[in-house]
N, C-alpha and C. Protein backbone atom coordinates (compact mmCIF):
# COMPACT_ATOMS: atom_id res chain seq x y z
N UNK A 1 19.68 -1.17 -15.39
CA UNK A 1 19.35 -0.70 -16.39
C UNK A 1 19.29 0.44 -15.87
N UNK A 2 19.26 1.96 -16.19
CA UNK A 2 19.56 3.43 -15.38
C UNK A 2 19.02 3.10 -14.65
N UNK A 3 19.17 3.90 -13.71
CA UNK A 3 18.08 4.43 -12.55
C UNK A 3 17.22 5.78 -13.36
N UNK A 4 17.65 6.74 -14.20
CA UNK A 4 16.31 7.83 -14.93
C UNK A 4 16.24 6.86 -15.68
N UNK A 5 16.30 6.08 -16.69
CA UNK A 5 15.63 5.42 -17.40
C UNK A 5 14.18 4.80 -16.64
N UNK A 6 14.83 4.16 -15.23
CA UNK A 6 13.76 3.70 -14.66
C UNK A 6 12.55 4.20 -14.58
N UNK A 7 13.08 5.99 -14.56
CA UNK A 7 11.29 6.50 -14.53
C UNK A 7 10.85 7.53 -15.16
N UNK A 8 11.23 7.24 -16.63
CA UNK A 8 10.13 7.04 -17.21
C UNK A 8 8.88 7.15 -17.43
N UNK A 9 8.09 7.87 -18.36
CA UNK A 9 7.02 7.75 -18.18
C UNK A 9 6.90 7.76 -20.04
N UNK A 10 5.22 7.37 -20.19
CA UNK A 10 4.94 7.32 -21.37
C UNK A 10 4.35 8.98 -22.15
N UNK A 11 4.04 8.47 -23.28
CA UNK A 11 3.59 9.61 -23.85
C UNK A 11 2.12 10.37 -23.32
N UNK A 12 1.71 9.32 -23.18
CA UNK A 12 0.17 9.77 -22.48
C UNK A 12 0.31 10.37 -21.26
N UNK A 13 1.08 10.22 -20.25
CA UNK A 13 1.50 10.59 -18.75
C UNK A 13 0.73 11.96 -19.12
N UNK A 14 -0.16 11.43 -17.67
CA UNK A 14 -0.28 13.86 -17.01
C UNK A 14 -0.07 13.54 -15.52
N UNK A 15 0.35 14.31 -14.91
CA UNK A 15 0.83 14.42 -13.84
C UNK A 15 -0.76 14.53 -13.20
N UNK A 16 -1.43 15.43 -13.90
CA UNK A 16 -3.07 16.20 -13.14
C UNK A 16 -3.97 14.48 -13.24
N UNK A 17 -3.83 13.75 -13.94
CA UNK A 17 -4.45 12.58 -13.79
C UNK A 17 -3.55 11.33 -12.99
N UNK A 18 -2.53 11.71 -13.03
CA UNK A 18 -1.83 10.22 -11.95
C UNK A 18 -2.86 11.33 -10.31
N UNK A 19 -2.40 12.41 -10.06
CA UNK A 19 -2.99 12.62 -9.22
C UNK A 19 -3.99 12.56 -8.63
N UNK A 20 -5.29 12.63 -9.74
CA UNK A 20 -6.59 12.59 -9.57
C UNK A 20 -7.21 10.61 -9.73
N UNK A 21 -5.94 9.40 -10.09
CA UNK A 21 -6.14 8.52 -10.25
C UNK A 21 -5.76 8.02 -8.75
N UNK A 22 -4.58 9.10 -7.73
CA UNK A 22 -4.75 8.76 -6.19
C UNK A 22 -5.62 9.00 -5.59
N UNK A 23 -6.28 10.01 -5.45
CA UNK A 23 -7.83 10.68 -5.30
C UNK A 23 -8.74 9.59 -5.20
N UNK A 24 -8.99 9.20 -6.11
CA UNK A 24 -10.22 8.02 -6.62
C UNK A 24 -9.72 6.51 -5.53
N UNK A 25 -9.26 6.43 -5.62
CA UNK A 25 -8.43 5.46 -5.13
C UNK A 25 -9.06 4.95 -3.42
N UNK A 26 -8.45 6.69 -3.05
CA UNK A 26 -8.53 6.85 -2.04
C UNK A 26 -9.66 6.53 -1.74
N UNK A 27 -10.74 7.03 -2.50
CA UNK A 27 -12.08 7.37 -1.95
C UNK A 27 -12.66 5.79 -2.33
N UNK A 28 -12.32 5.74 -3.19
CA UNK A 28 -12.97 3.74 -2.56
C UNK A 28 -12.28 2.85 -1.94
N UNK A 29 -11.14 3.21 -1.17
CA UNK A 29 -10.61 2.34 -0.07
C UNK A 29 -11.27 2.50 0.84
N UNK A 30 -12.18 3.82 0.86
CA UNK A 30 -12.95 4.53 2.22
C UNK A 30 -13.98 4.42 2.07
N UNK A 31 -15.11 3.97 0.85
CA UNK A 31 -15.91 3.27 0.69
C UNK A 31 -15.88 1.80 0.82
N UNK A 32 -14.98 1.57 0.75
CA UNK A 32 -14.87 -0.35 0.57
C UNK A 32 -14.82 -1.13 2.33
N UNK A 33 -13.46 0.27 2.88
CA UNK A 33 -13.78 -0.26 3.83
C UNK A 33 -15.12 -0.76 5.08
N UNK A 34 -15.86 1.06 4.61
CA UNK A 34 -16.91 0.65 5.84
C UNK A 34 -17.55 -0.26 5.71
N UNK A 35 -17.27 -1.23 4.20
CA UNK A 35 -18.74 -2.42 3.80
C UNK A 35 -18.21 -3.61 4.50
N UNK A 36 -17.12 -3.40 5.20
CA UNK A 36 -16.35 -4.73 5.48
C UNK A 36 -16.97 -5.30 7.23
N UNK A 37 -17.29 -5.92 7.26
CA UNK A 37 -17.96 -6.40 8.67
C UNK A 37 -17.35 -7.65 9.15
N UNK A 38 -17.08 -7.89 10.18
CA UNK A 38 -16.80 -9.01 11.35
C UNK A 38 -17.74 -10.22 10.57
N UNK A 39 -17.56 -11.11 10.32
CA UNK A 39 -17.83 -12.54 9.98
C UNK A 39 -17.84 -12.62 8.65
N UNK A 40 -17.02 -11.71 8.03
CA UNK A 40 -16.59 -12.21 6.43
C UNK A 40 -16.10 -12.83 6.71
N UNK A 41 -15.32 -12.92 4.99
CA UNK A 41 -14.50 -13.99 4.48
C UNK A 41 -13.30 -13.06 4.12
N UNK A 42 -11.76 -12.86 3.49
CA UNK A 42 -11.87 -12.87 2.81
C UNK A 42 -11.89 -12.35 0.80
N UNK A 43 -12.44 -13.41 0.49
CA UNK A 43 -13.21 -13.91 -0.99
C UNK A 43 -14.69 -12.53 -0.72
N UNK A 44 -15.50 -12.91 0.30
CA UNK A 44 -16.56 -11.94 0.46
C UNK A 44 -15.97 -10.16 0.32
N UNK A 45 -14.44 -10.33 1.11
CA UNK A 45 -15.07 -8.84 1.25
C UNK A 45 -14.06 -8.46 -0.12
N UNK A 46 -13.25 -9.12 -0.80
CA UNK A 46 -12.17 -9.09 -1.89
C UNK A 46 -14.10 -8.79 -2.85
N UNK A 47 -15.61 -9.40 -3.48
CA UNK A 47 -16.49 -9.63 -3.97
C UNK A 47 -16.58 -7.93 -3.76
N UNK A 48 -16.58 -7.34 -2.49
CA UNK A 48 -17.41 -6.21 -2.07
C UNK A 48 -16.10 -4.94 -3.21
N UNK A 49 -15.14 -5.27 -3.16
CA UNK A 49 -13.74 -4.36 -3.36
C UNK A 49 -14.13 -3.91 -4.88
N UNK A 50 -14.12 -5.18 -5.72
CA UNK A 50 -14.80 -5.72 -7.53
C UNK A 50 -15.92 -4.73 -7.31
N UNK A 51 -16.95 -5.29 -6.62
CA UNK A 51 -18.08 -4.36 -7.11
C UNK A 51 -17.81 -2.68 -7.17
N UNK A 52 -17.22 -2.13 -5.82
CA UNK A 52 -17.00 -0.92 -5.24
C UNK A 52 -16.44 -0.14 -6.26
N UNK A 53 -14.84 -0.96 -6.78
CA UNK A 53 -14.04 0.05 -7.98
C UNK A 53 -14.40 -0.50 -8.94
N UNK A 54 -15.61 -1.08 -9.65
CA UNK A 54 -16.22 -0.95 -10.64
C UNK A 54 -17.49 0.29 -10.56
N UNK A 55 -18.14 0.43 -9.33
CA UNK A 55 -19.25 1.53 -8.95
C UNK A 55 -18.59 2.78 -9.23
N UNK A 56 -17.18 3.02 -8.69
CA UNK A 56 -15.95 3.78 -8.91
C UNK A 56 -15.40 4.32 -10.33
N UNK A 57 -15.85 3.91 -11.33
CA UNK A 57 -15.41 4.05 -12.54
C UNK A 57 -14.42 3.40 -12.81
N UNK A 58 -13.30 2.82 -12.22
CA UNK A 58 -12.39 1.98 -12.53
C UNK A 58 -12.93 1.52 -14.29
N UNK A 59 -11.09 1.88 -14.82
CA UNK A 59 -11.25 1.01 -16.10
C UNK A 59 -10.64 -0.88 -15.77
N UNK A 60 -10.02 -0.84 -15.13
CA UNK A 60 -9.45 -1.63 -14.61
C UNK A 60 -8.57 -2.31 -13.87
N UNK A 61 -8.55 -3.05 -13.34
CA UNK A 61 -7.03 -3.01 -12.26
C UNK A 61 -6.02 -3.64 -12.72
N UNK A 62 -4.72 -3.46 -12.64
CA UNK A 62 -3.52 -3.37 -12.91
C UNK A 62 -2.79 -4.23 -11.66
N UNK A 63 -3.20 -3.93 -10.41
CA UNK A 63 -2.81 -5.89 -9.42
C UNK A 63 -3.82 -5.71 -9.00
N UNK A 64 -4.28 -6.93 -8.66
CA UNK A 64 -5.15 -7.38 -7.81
C UNK A 64 -6.08 -6.60 -6.79
N UNK A 65 -6.58 -6.99 -6.14
CA UNK A 65 -7.08 -5.99 -4.56
C UNK A 65 -6.53 -6.96 -3.49
N UNK A 66 -5.92 -6.85 -2.51
CA UNK A 66 -5.60 -7.73 -1.75
C UNK A 66 -6.12 -7.47 -0.33
N UNK A 67 -7.15 -7.91 0.45
CA UNK A 67 -7.24 -7.58 1.67
C UNK A 67 -7.56 -8.97 2.37
N UNK A 68 -6.82 -8.38 3.82
CA UNK A 68 -6.14 -9.58 4.47
C UNK A 68 -6.74 -9.14 5.87
N UNK A 69 -7.27 -10.28 6.53
CA UNK A 69 -7.97 -10.01 7.85
C UNK A 69 -6.80 -10.79 8.88
N UNK A 70 -6.94 -10.15 10.24
CA UNK A 70 -6.17 -10.79 11.68
C UNK A 70 -4.65 -11.45 11.27
N UNK A 71 -4.45 -12.57 11.71
CA UNK A 71 -3.21 -12.97 10.96
C UNK A 71 -2.14 -13.00 9.63
N UNK A 72 -3.13 -13.02 9.42
CA UNK A 72 -2.92 -12.50 7.53
C UNK A 72 -2.39 -11.12 6.31
N UNK A 73 -2.69 -10.40 8.21
CA UNK A 73 -2.15 -9.05 7.84
C UNK A 73 -0.54 -9.01 7.44
N UNK A 74 0.01 -10.64 8.18
CA UNK A 74 1.62 -10.44 7.90
C UNK A 74 2.14 -10.70 6.95
N UNK A 75 1.44 -11.41 5.94
CA UNK A 75 1.47 -11.91 5.07
C UNK A 75 1.71 -10.94 3.69
N UNK A 76 2.44 -11.38 2.96
CA UNK A 76 3.23 -9.87 1.72
C UNK A 76 2.10 -10.39 1.13
N UNK A 77 2.52 -9.48 -0.31
CA UNK A 77 1.13 -9.74 -1.89
C UNK A 77 1.72 -10.74 -2.06
N UNK A 78 2.53 -11.41 -2.20
CA UNK A 78 2.48 -12.79 -2.87
C UNK A 78 2.16 -13.75 -2.39
N UNK A 79 1.96 -14.01 -0.47
CA UNK A 79 2.09 -15.38 -0.01
C UNK A 79 0.36 -15.04 -0.15
N UNK A 80 0.11 -16.28 0.20
CA UNK A 80 -1.37 -16.99 0.23
C UNK A 80 -1.90 -16.27 1.85
N UNK A 81 -3.30 -16.30 2.15
CA UNK A 81 -3.46 -16.30 3.20
C UNK A 81 -4.26 -17.38 3.70
N UNK A 82 -4.46 -17.40 4.97
CA UNK A 82 -4.79 -18.62 5.39
C UNK A 82 -6.09 -19.36 4.81
N UNK A 83 -6.66 -20.23 4.81
CA UNK A 83 -8.06 -20.14 3.96
C UNK A 83 -9.04 -20.10 5.31
N UNK A 84 -10.35 -19.61 4.84
CA UNK A 84 -11.48 -19.31 5.81
C UNK A 84 -11.37 -18.75 6.78
N UNK A 85 -10.27 -17.41 7.05
CA UNK A 85 -10.09 -16.83 7.76
C UNK A 85 -11.33 -15.71 7.77
N UNK A 86 -11.78 -15.70 9.21
CA UNK A 86 -13.62 -14.06 8.97
C UNK A 86 -12.40 -13.54 9.79
N UNK A 87 -13.06 -12.37 9.76
CA UNK A 87 -13.08 -10.95 10.33
C UNK A 87 -13.45 -11.39 11.88
N UNK A 88 -12.83 -10.51 12.51
CA UNK A 88 -13.44 -10.82 13.83
C UNK A 88 -14.26 -10.11 14.59
N UNK A 89 -14.92 -9.73 15.59
CA UNK A 89 -15.50 -8.83 16.42
C UNK A 89 -14.30 -8.01 17.20
N UNK A 90 -13.24 -8.25 17.05
CA UNK A 90 -11.86 -7.10 17.81
C UNK A 90 -10.77 -7.83 16.85
N UNK A 91 -10.58 -7.10 15.82
CA UNK A 91 -9.98 -7.94 14.95
C UNK A 91 -9.01 -6.61 13.91
N UNK A 92 -8.31 -6.88 13.07
CA UNK A 92 -7.60 -6.01 11.96
C UNK A 92 -7.56 -6.39 11.17
N UNK A 93 -7.48 -5.45 9.92
CA UNK A 93 -7.76 -6.11 8.69
C UNK A 93 -7.04 -4.96 7.59
N UNK A 94 -6.05 -5.05 6.32
CA UNK A 94 -5.59 -3.65 5.79
C UNK A 94 -6.67 -4.15 3.96
N UNK A 95 -6.32 -3.33 3.37
CA UNK A 95 -6.93 -3.51 2.41
C UNK A 95 -5.83 -2.27 1.07
N UNK A 96 -5.68 -3.91 0.20
CA UNK A 96 -3.86 -3.11 -0.85
C UNK A 96 -5.28 -2.98 -2.67
N UNK A 97 -5.40 -1.91 -2.90
CA UNK A 97 -6.63 -1.39 -3.89
C UNK A 97 -4.94 -1.33 -5.28
N UNK A 98 -5.51 -1.64 -7.07
CA UNK A 98 -4.22 -0.82 -7.82
C UNK A 98 -5.29 -0.92 -8.80
N UNK A 99 -6.11 -0.27 -8.82
CA UNK A 99 -7.24 0.45 -9.97
C UNK A 99 -6.41 1.19 -10.51
N UNK A 100 -6.64 1.25 -11.92
CA UNK A 100 -6.63 1.96 -12.90
C UNK A 100 -7.89 2.85 -13.35
N UNK A 101 -7.40 4.18 -13.15
CA UNK A 101 -8.42 5.13 -13.19
C UNK A 101 -8.17 6.45 -15.19
N UNK A 102 -8.75 6.23 -15.75
CA UNK A 102 -8.05 7.73 -17.12
C UNK A 102 -6.98 7.40 -17.18
N UNK A 103 -6.85 6.02 -17.64
CA UNK A 103 -5.30 5.37 -17.99
C UNK A 103 -4.09 5.22 -16.68
N UNK A 104 -4.26 5.11 -16.18
CA UNK A 104 -3.58 6.05 -14.69
C UNK A 104 -3.29 5.05 -13.57
N UNK A 105 -2.53 4.78 -12.91
CA UNK A 105 -2.46 3.60 -12.01
C UNK A 105 -2.35 4.05 -10.88
N UNK A 106 -3.57 3.70 -9.81
CA UNK A 106 -4.17 4.06 -8.19
C UNK A 106 -2.98 2.88 -7.73
N UNK A 107 -2.60 3.48 -6.41
CA UNK A 107 -1.98 2.16 -5.51
C UNK A 107 -2.30 3.00 -4.44
N UNK A 108 -3.25 2.41 -3.22
CA UNK A 108 -3.19 2.69 -1.97
C UNK A 108 -3.61 1.61 -1.64
N UNK A 109 -3.40 1.88 0.29
CA UNK A 109 -3.29 0.67 1.45
C UNK A 109 -3.15 1.44 2.54
N UNK A 110 -4.75 0.44 3.18
CA UNK A 110 -4.55 1.25 4.80
C UNK A 110 -4.72 -0.16 5.05
N UNK A 111 -5.21 0.47 7.14
CA UNK A 111 -5.44 -0.57 8.06
C UNK A 111 -6.51 -0.55 8.68
N UNK A 112 -7.31 -1.16 9.34
CA UNK A 112 -8.20 -1.02 9.99
C UNK A 112 -8.67 -2.02 11.24
N UNK A 113 -9.48 -1.57 12.57
CA UNK A 113 -9.53 -2.07 13.23
C UNK A 113 -11.29 -2.31 13.18
N UNK A 114 -12.00 -3.23 13.80
CA UNK A 114 -13.02 -3.65 13.87
C UNK A 114 -13.52 -3.38 15.76
N UNK A 115 -12.46 -3.58 16.52
CA UNK A 115 -13.05 -3.48 18.15
C UNK A 115 -12.28 -2.36 18.90
N UNK A 116 -11.93 -2.93 19.53
CA UNK A 116 -11.17 -2.17 20.77
C UNK A 116 -9.45 -1.81 21.05
N UNK A 117 -9.26 -2.95 20.43
CA UNK A 117 -7.94 -3.75 20.73
C UNK A 117 -6.99 -2.37 20.78
N UNK A 118 -6.49 -2.04 22.04
CA UNK A 118 -5.55 -1.45 21.69
C UNK A 118 -4.14 -1.37 21.16
N UNK A 119 -3.58 -2.90 21.12
CA UNK A 119 -2.67 -2.98 20.34
C UNK A 119 -3.17 -2.89 19.06
N UNK A 120 -4.12 -3.30 18.31
CA UNK A 120 -4.37 -3.28 17.02
C UNK A 120 -4.50 -2.17 16.83
N UNK A 121 -5.17 -0.95 17.52
CA UNK A 121 -4.84 0.50 16.65
C UNK A 121 -3.94 0.98 16.80
N UNK A 122 -3.42 0.83 17.74
CA UNK A 122 -1.70 1.54 17.42
C UNK A 122 -0.70 1.11 16.45
N UNK A 123 -0.88 -0.63 16.58
CA UNK A 123 0.21 -0.89 15.25
C UNK A 123 -0.51 -0.56 14.12
N UNK A 124 -2.07 -0.17 13.79
CA UNK A 124 -2.57 0.31 12.49
C UNK A 124 -2.34 1.70 12.08
N UNK A 125 -2.06 2.56 12.93
CA UNK A 125 -1.49 4.13 13.71
C UNK A 125 0.00 3.86 13.38
N UNK A 126 0.59 3.07 13.77
CA UNK A 126 2.38 3.48 13.57
C UNK A 126 2.50 2.97 12.33
N UNK A 127 2.01 1.96 11.72
CA UNK A 127 1.79 1.92 10.04
C UNK A 127 1.56 3.65 9.06
N UNK A 128 1.06 4.25 9.24
CA UNK A 128 0.81 5.22 9.14
C UNK A 128 1.32 6.47 9.70
N UNK A 129 2.25 6.73 10.76
CA UNK A 129 3.41 7.13 11.03
C UNK A 129 4.29 6.59 10.59
N UNK A 130 4.47 5.89 10.61
CA UNK A 130 5.99 5.45 9.44
C UNK A 130 6.19 6.05 8.39
N UNK A 131 4.89 5.62 7.48
CA UNK A 131 4.32 6.20 6.75
C UNK A 131 5.18 7.59 6.49
N UNK A 132 5.01 8.57 7.18
CA UNK A 132 4.70 10.11 7.04
C UNK A 132 6.14 10.48 7.86
N UNK A 133 6.81 9.49 8.84
CA UNK A 133 8.03 9.83 8.80
C UNK A 133 8.98 9.41 8.06
N UNK A 134 8.68 8.78 7.11
CA UNK A 134 10.30 8.01 5.69
C UNK A 134 9.41 8.71 4.70
N UNK A 135 7.97 9.23 4.50
CA UNK A 135 8.35 10.65 3.31
C UNK A 135 8.88 11.86 3.24
N UNK A 136 8.63 12.05 4.59
CA UNK A 136 9.22 13.65 5.12
C UNK A 136 10.66 13.26 4.89
N UNK A 137 11.47 12.08 4.91
CA UNK A 137 12.93 11.81 5.09
C UNK A 137 13.30 11.66 3.57
N UNK A 138 12.55 11.42 2.50
CA UNK A 138 12.69 11.02 0.77
C UNK A 138 12.48 12.57 0.01
N UNK A 139 11.82 13.93 1.77
CA UNK A 139 11.83 14.71 1.06
C UNK A 139 13.58 15.86 0.88
N UNK A 140 13.46 15.02 1.77
CA UNK A 140 15.46 15.29 2.36
C UNK A 140 16.05 14.99 0.95
N UNK A 141 15.47 14.25 -0.42
CA UNK A 141 16.29 13.36 -1.16
C UNK A 141 17.53 12.38 -0.51
N UNK A 142 17.18 11.51 -0.85
CA UNK A 142 17.83 10.39 -0.24
C UNK A 142 17.32 9.02 -1.81
N UNK A 143 18.55 7.78 -1.67
CA UNK A 143 18.16 7.11 -2.64
C UNK A 143 16.57 6.50 -2.27
N UNK A 144 16.28 5.23 -3.25
CA UNK A 144 15.40 4.56 -2.44
C UNK A 144 15.79 3.34 -1.49
N UNK A 145 17.29 2.80 -2.03
CA UNK A 145 17.68 1.36 -0.85
C UNK A 145 17.98 2.40 0.47
N UNK A 146 18.37 3.85 0.26
CA UNK A 146 18.51 5.07 1.62
C UNK A 146 17.27 4.37 2.61
N UNK A 147 16.43 4.95 1.64
CA UNK A 147 14.88 5.34 2.33
C UNK A 147 14.37 4.27 2.84
N UNK A 148 14.61 3.66 2.94
CA UNK A 148 14.11 2.08 3.24
C UNK A 148 14.96 1.82 4.70
N UNK A 149 15.98 1.45 4.38
CA UNK A 149 17.23 0.95 5.44
C UNK A 149 16.72 2.34 6.69
N UNK A 150 16.18 3.41 6.32
CA UNK A 150 15.78 4.72 7.21
C UNK A 150 14.49 4.26 8.29
N UNK A 151 13.87 3.37 7.19
CA UNK A 151 12.11 3.43 7.58
C UNK A 151 12.71 1.56 8.44
N UNK A 152 13.33 1.07 8.31
CA UNK A 152 13.27 -0.07 9.01
C UNK A 152 14.57 0.21 10.74
N UNK A 153 15.24 1.40 10.38
CA UNK A 153 15.38 1.97 11.52
C UNK A 153 14.65 2.91 12.16
N UNK A 154 14.04 3.57 12.01
CA UNK A 154 11.91 4.35 12.91
C UNK A 154 11.19 3.17 13.35
N UNK A 155 11.41 1.86 12.03
CA UNK A 155 10.67 0.91 13.24
C UNK A 155 10.56 0.27 13.92
N UNK A 156 11.99 0.17 14.07
CA UNK A 156 12.85 -0.69 15.21
C UNK A 156 12.62 0.83 16.65
N UNK A 157 12.69 1.52 16.14
CA UNK A 157 13.24 2.59 17.23
C UNK A 157 11.79 3.00 18.00
N UNK A 158 10.52 2.31 17.14
CA UNK A 158 9.50 2.80 17.62
C UNK A 158 8.46 1.47 18.30
N UNK A 159 9.18 0.54 18.19
CA UNK A 159 9.10 -0.90 18.87
C UNK A 159 8.64 -2.19 17.66
N UNK A 160 8.19 -1.57 16.44
CA UNK A 160 7.97 -2.37 15.38
C UNK A 160 8.79 -3.37 14.35
N UNK A 161 8.88 -3.92 13.71
CA UNK A 161 9.07 -4.63 12.66
C UNK A 161 8.97 -4.61 11.34
N UNK A 162 9.35 -3.72 10.48
CA UNK A 162 9.33 -3.49 9.54
C UNK A 162 9.19 -4.71 8.20
N UNK A 163 8.76 -5.15 7.49
CA UNK A 163 8.87 -6.65 6.67
C UNK A 163 9.62 -6.16 5.47
N UNK A 164 11.13 -6.51 5.62
CA UNK A 164 11.49 -6.04 4.23
C UNK A 164 11.10 -6.91 2.70
N UNK A 165 10.64 -7.39 2.53
CA UNK A 165 10.08 -8.30 1.44
C UNK A 165 9.47 -6.92 1.09
N UNK A 166 8.33 -6.13 1.34
CA UNK A 166 7.48 -5.01 0.92
C UNK A 166 8.55 -3.59 0.90
N UNK A 167 8.60 -3.68 -0.24
CA UNK A 167 9.38 -2.37 -0.66
C UNK A 167 9.17 -1.28 -1.35
N UNK A 168 8.14 -0.77 -1.90
CA UNK A 168 7.56 -0.48 -2.98
C UNK A 168 7.81 -0.41 -3.92
N UNK A 169 7.43 0.76 -4.81
CA UNK A 169 7.63 0.04 -6.32
C UNK A 169 6.88 1.40 -7.05
N UNK A 170 7.02 1.56 -9.01
CA UNK A 170 6.82 2.29 -9.39
C UNK A 170 5.27 2.32 -9.68
N UNK A 171 5.08 3.50 -10.03
CA UNK A 171 3.64 3.12 -11.00
C UNK A 171 3.63 4.75 -12.04
N UNK A 172 2.71 4.80 -12.41
CA UNK A 172 2.01 5.70 -13.77
C UNK A 172 1.00 5.52 -14.87
N UNK A 173 1.76 6.29 -15.69
CA UNK A 173 0.06 5.62 -16.70
C UNK A 173 0.64 4.44 -16.86
N UNK A 174 -0.93 3.17 -17.04
CA UNK A 174 -1.17 2.35 -17.49
C UNK A 174 -0.30 1.63 -18.96
N UNK A 175 0.77 0.64 -18.98
CA UNK A 175 1.41 -0.53 -17.82
C UNK A 175 2.32 0.18 -17.58
N UNK A 176 2.85 1.05 -16.18
CA UNK A 176 4.23 1.29 -15.47
C UNK A 176 4.86 0.18 -16.26
N UNK A 177 4.70 -1.51 -15.60
CA UNK A 177 6.20 -2.23 -15.57
C UNK A 177 7.01 -2.25 -17.12
N UNK A 178 6.26 -1.32 -18.05
CA UNK A 178 7.29 -1.61 -19.54
C UNK A 178 8.51 -0.48 -18.99
N UNK A 179 8.72 0.42 -18.11
CA UNK A 179 9.90 0.73 -17.36
C UNK A 179 10.87 0.00 -16.66
N UNK A 180 10.56 -1.28 -15.90
CA UNK A 180 11.49 -2.19 -15.29
C UNK A 180 12.11 -1.36 -14.04
N UNK A 181 11.26 -0.83 -13.71
CA UNK A 181 11.78 0.51 -12.67
C UNK A 181 12.28 -0.67 -11.51
N UNK A 182 11.87 -1.90 -10.96
CA UNK A 182 12.68 -2.69 -9.97
C UNK A 182 11.71 -1.72 -8.45
N UNK A 183 11.96 -2.67 -7.10
CA UNK A 183 12.08 -2.32 -6.46
C UNK A 183 12.45 -0.56 -5.52
N UNK A 184 11.65 0.22 -5.25
CA UNK A 184 11.83 1.24 -3.90
C UNK A 184 13.32 0.94 -3.75
N UNK A 185 12.65 -0.02 -2.82
CA UNK A 185 13.80 -0.29 -1.67
C UNK A 185 15.41 -0.62 -2.43
N UNK A 186 15.55 -1.04 -3.65
CA UNK A 186 16.37 -1.10 -4.34
C UNK A 186 16.96 -0.25 -5.14
N UNK A 187 16.05 1.05 -5.11
CA UNK A 187 16.40 1.76 -6.68
C UNK A 187 17.60 2.63 -5.85
N UNK A 188 18.64 3.16 -6.92
CA UNK A 188 20.08 3.91 -6.47
C UNK A 188 20.12 5.22 -6.69
N UNK A 189 19.11 5.78 -6.71
CA UNK A 189 18.61 7.16 -7.02
C UNK A 189 17.79 7.60 -6.26
N UNK A 190 17.67 9.05 -6.22
CA UNK A 190 16.61 9.61 -5.49
C UNK A 190 15.22 9.72 -6.54
N UNK A 191 13.83 8.57 -5.91
CA UNK A 191 12.62 9.13 -6.45
C UNK A 191 12.32 10.20 -6.78
N UNK A 192 11.92 10.33 -8.05
CA UNK A 192 11.11 11.55 -8.05
C UNK A 192 9.65 11.91 -7.82
N UNK A 193 8.88 12.87 -7.76
CA UNK A 193 7.58 12.80 -7.19
C UNK A 193 6.93 12.28 -8.19
N UNK A 194 5.63 11.41 -7.48
CA UNK A 194 4.12 11.19 -8.66
C UNK A 194 4.73 10.31 -9.39
N UNK A 195 5.65 9.21 -9.36
CA UNK A 195 5.85 8.34 -9.36
C UNK A 195 6.16 7.08 -8.62
N UNK A 196 6.72 6.88 -7.58
CA UNK A 196 6.50 5.64 -6.70
C UNK A 196 6.01 5.76 -5.77
N UNK A 197 5.67 4.67 -5.57
CA UNK A 197 4.44 3.97 -4.47
C UNK A 197 5.91 3.89 -2.95
N UNK A 198 5.64 4.50 -2.19
CA UNK A 198 6.44 3.60 -0.54
C UNK A 198 5.25 2.76 0.69
N UNK A 199 5.31 1.69 -0.01
CA UNK A 199 4.94 0.72 1.16
C UNK A 199 5.38 0.64 2.13
N UNK A 200 4.52 0.62 3.23
CA UNK A 200 4.76 0.29 4.75
C UNK A 200 4.30 -0.54 5.43
N UNK A 201 5.04 -2.08 5.97
CA UNK A 201 4.44 -3.02 6.48
C UNK A 201 5.14 -3.44 7.12
N UNK A 202 4.52 -3.37 8.65
CA UNK A 202 4.96 -3.95 9.64
C UNK A 202 4.25 -4.86 10.64
N UNK A 203 5.13 -5.50 11.92
CA UNK A 203 4.40 -6.88 12.56
C UNK A 203 4.91 -6.11 13.50
N UNK A 204 3.72 -6.53 14.30
CA UNK A 204 4.19 -6.23 16.36
C UNK A 204 4.86 -7.34 16.61
N UNK A 205 5.78 -7.38 17.37
CA UNK A 205 7.26 -7.46 17.95
C UNK A 205 6.27 -9.25 18.77
N UNK A 206 5.18 -8.88 19.32
CA UNK A 206 4.57 -10.52 19.69
C UNK A 206 3.63 -11.06 19.75
N UNK A 207 2.93 -10.10 18.65
CA UNK A 207 1.34 -10.69 18.23
C UNK A 207 2.10 -11.27 17.12
N UNK A 208 0.81 -11.66 16.70
CA UNK A 208 0.73 -12.46 15.13
C UNK A 208 -0.89 -11.12 14.62
N UNK A 209 -0.14 -10.32 14.25
CA UNK A 209 -0.83 -9.08 13.36
C UNK A 209 0.37 -7.85 13.38
N UNK A 210 -0.16 -7.73 12.13
CA UNK A 210 0.50 -6.60 11.04
C UNK A 210 -0.70 -5.62 10.55
N UNK A 211 0.27 -5.20 10.42
CA UNK A 211 -0.25 -3.47 9.23
C UNK A 211 0.43 -3.09 8.20
N UNK A 212 -0.49 -2.67 7.08
CA UNK A 212 0.42 -2.09 5.76
C UNK A 212 -0.42 -0.59 5.38
N UNK A 213 0.26 0.04 5.50
CA UNK A 213 0.09 1.69 4.63
C UNK A 213 1.02 1.99 3.63
N UNK A 214 0.14 2.24 2.30
CA UNK A 214 0.84 3.12 0.81
C UNK A 214 0.08 3.80 0.70
N UNK A 215 1.19 4.69 -0.37
CA UNK A 215 0.24 5.87 -0.68
C UNK A 215 1.60 6.55 -1.91
N UNK A 216 1.14 7.35 -3.03
CA UNK A 216 2.17 8.10 -3.74
C UNK A 216 3.03 8.83 -2.85
N UNK A 217 4.37 9.03 -3.43
CA UNK A 217 5.46 9.87 -3.04
C UNK A 217 4.88 10.79 -3.95
N UNK A 218 4.44 12.32 -3.05
CA UNK A 218 4.49 13.57 -3.59
C UNK A 218 5.08 14.61 -2.98
N UNK A 219 5.39 15.60 -3.97
CA UNK A 219 6.14 16.89 -3.43
C UNK A 219 5.57 17.77 -2.69
């Protein structure tokens, strides 16, 4: 399918509502993260996410909320977590939300640390930093494929491993899937602002921990 077609939107699309969905998604994520405590299991955290998204006025989800603890932070979206994983006092976790607000899709993700482990803190911050560096590169005008090649080089230079199975994707007025855009990392044109999610997932070079960060690419 031509790249330009992949960036189409529906008749109901609104840039303002798209940005509002992003803002409301981030507010919900911050709320959920503050309620996740050591000793919880991932399903228990998932129930918190469900309740708080409902309280935030979410219409529906377009993808299930994903919450990963400890070694499960290395897992991709479609991989199952190791069962019965509980969050530790010195641990790492990430949240990935996909709610719909006012007919528009939010998609946000961030990583958090429960204790003082410096490597875990560095891992969480590195995912955010790598996102920012890569987003700046996008603003210079590159294809999606070139963008992820750049992210890979930067991750290596920073001392982390990029998870190549996590490549970003389209969002928009629900459902964005009708446009069949494919992955951002395989996209052969310059992604336009306000329609593409840049996903960054990294792994520690030696330890079984990872970090995740995602947000909408905006000008």
